[in-house]
Amino acid sequence: MAVSCLCASNGELFPGYDTLLHVGCRLGESRILLCEAGSKHRLQKLQLNFPSDDVAFALKNCEDLP
């Protein structure tokens, strides 16, 4: 799912690719995200470095999520 779709569905403004790249690089440096190596940063694949079951459990009582 594209970031622009996520922003639109949550009523948020699109932050811009430069901001997304900066945040992605910082999260990659801390190993929260696993970043695919490559020079095409806009098309780079990112993966959360936590099991999805752990994330779902941590967010199950979050009122901000649908």
C-alpha atoms as a PDB file:
ATOM      1  CA  MET A   1       0.000   0.000   0.000  1.00  0.00           C
ATOM      2  CA  ALA A   2       1.371   3.400  -0.918  1.00  0.00           C
ATOM      3  CA  VAL A   3       2.105   5.999   1.722  1.00  0.00           C
ATOM      4  CA  SER A   4      -0.122   8.503  -0.059  1.00  0.00           C
ATOM      5  CA  CYS A   5      -3.079   6.101   0.279  1.00  0.00           C
ATOM      6  CA  LEU A   6      -2.363   5.596   3.980  1.00  0.00           C
ATOM      7  CA  CYS A   7      -2.197   9.343   4.536  1.00  0.00           C
ATOM      8  CA  ALA A   8      -5.409   9.979   2.612  1.00  0.00           C
ATOM      9  CA  SER A   9      -7.343   7.242   4.418  1.00  0.00           C
ATOM     10  CA  ASN A  10      -6.281   8.667   7.803  1.00  0.00           C
ATOM     11  CA  GLY A  11      -6.879  12.311   6.908  1.00  0.00           C
ATOM     12  CA  GLU A  12      -3.164  13.179   7.099  1.00  0.00           C
ATOM     13  CA  LEU A  13      -1.130  15.336   4.746  1.00  0.00           C
ATOM     14  CA  PHE A  14       1.481  13.576   2.628  1.00  0.00           C
ATOM     15  CA  PRO A  15       4.844  14.461   4.222  1.00  0.00           C
ATOM     16  CA  GLY A  16       6.904  14.387   1.024  1.00  0.00           C
ATOM     17  CA  TYR A  17       9.485  11.922  -0.218  1.00  0.00           C
ATOM     18  CA  ASP A  18      12.431  13.739   1.352  1.00  0.00           C
ATOM     19  CA  THR A  19      10.868  13.454   4.822  1.00  0.00           C
ATOM     20  CA  LEU A  20       9.934   9.809   4.258  1.00  0.00           C
ATOM     21  CA  LEU A  21      13.462   8.999   3.109  1.00  0.00           C
ATOM     22  CA  HIS A  22      14.972  10.731   6.132  1.00  0.00           C
ATOM     23  CA  VAL A  23      12.691   8.898   8.575  1.00  0.00           C
ATOM     24  CA  GLY A  24      13.251   5.579   6.783  1.00  0.00           C
ATOM     25  CA  CYS A  25      17.025   6.003   6.930  1.00  0.00           C
ATOM     26  CA  ARG A  26      16.936   6.829  10.641  1.00  0.00           C
ATOM     27  CA  LEU A  27      14.749   3.788  11.384  1.00  0.00           C
ATOM     28  CA  GLY A  28      17.033   1.651   9.219  1.00  0.00           C
ATOM     29  CA  GLU A  29      20.103   2.838  11.126  1.00  0.00           C
ATOM     30  CA  SER A  30      18.474   1.748  14.382  1.00  0.00           C
ATOM     31  CA  ARG A  31      17.441  -1.593  12.786  1.00  0.00           C
ATOM     32  CA  ILE A  32      13.745  -0.999  13.444  1.00  0.00           C
ATOM     33  CA  LEU A  33      13.290  -1.229   9.683  1.00  0.00           C
ATOM     34  CA  LEU A  34      15.123  -3.574   7.356  1.00  0.00           C
ATOM     35  CA  CYS A  35      15.949  -1.651   4.193  1.00  0.00           C
ATOM     36  CA  GLU A  36      16.588  -3.269   0.826  1.00  0.00           C
ATOM     37  CA  ALA A  37      19.928  -2.217  -0.598  1.00  0.00           C
ATOM     38  CA  GLY A  38      19.723  -0.153  -3.731  1.00  0.00           C
ATOM     39  CA  SER A  39      20.138   3.247  -5.276  1.00  0.00           C
ATOM     40  CA  LYS A  40      16.478   3.824  -6.170  1.00  0.00           C
ATOM     41  CA  HIS A  41      15.378   5.172  -2.803  1.00  0.00           C
ATOM     42  CA  ARG A  42      11.806   5.953  -3.889  1.00  0.00           C
ATOM     43  CA  LEU A  43      11.328   2.311  -4.902  1.00  0.00           C
ATOM     44  CA  GLN A  44      13.241   0.808  -1.978  1.00  0.00           C
ATOM     45  CA  LYS A  45      11.438  -1.949  -0.078  1.00  0.00           C
ATOM     46  CA  LEU A  46      11.191  -1.635   3.698  1.00  0.00           C
ATOM     47  CA  GLN A  47      10.270  -4.300   6.216  1.00  0.00           C
ATOM     48  CA  LEU A  48       9.463  -3.907   9.898  1.00  0.00           C
ATOM     49  CA  ASN A  49      12.044  -5.793  11.966  1.00  0.00           C
ATOM     50  CA  PHE A  50       9.440  -7.193  14.381  1.00  0.00           C
ATOM     51  CA  PRO A  51       7.029 -10.118  13.998  1.00  0.00           C
ATOM     52  CA  SER A  52       3.593  -8.940  12.854  1.00  0.00           C
ATOM     53  CA  ASP A  53       1.958 -10.844  15.729  1.00  0.00           C
ATOM     54  CA  ASP A  54       3.930  -8.745  18.234  1.00  0.00           C
ATOM     55  CA  VAL A  55       2.856  -5.523  16.519  1.00  0.00           C
ATOM     56  CA  ALA A  56      -0.801  -6.623  16.409  1.00  0.00           C
ATOM     57  CA  PHE A  57      -0.706  -7.527  20.116  1.00  0.00           C
ATOM     58  CA  ALA A  58       0.891  -4.207  21.063  1.00  0.00           C
ATOM     59  CA  LEU A  59      -1.710  -2.225  19.095  1.00  0.00           C
ATOM     60  CA  LYS A  60      -4.819  -4.269  19.853  1.00  0.00           C
ATOM     61  CA  ASN A  61      -6.166  -1.770  22.409  1.00  0.00           C
ATOM     62  CA  CYS A  62      -5.154   1.371  20.495  1.00  0.00           C
ATOM     63  CA  GLU A  63      -8.203   3.593  20.065  1.00  0.00           C
ATOM     64  CA  ASP A  64      -6.571   5.595  17.258  1.00  0.00           C
ATOM     65  CA  LEU A  65      -6.558   2.631  14.878  1.00  0.00           C
ATOM     66  CA  PRO A  66      -9.605   1.336  13.021  1.00  0.00           C
END
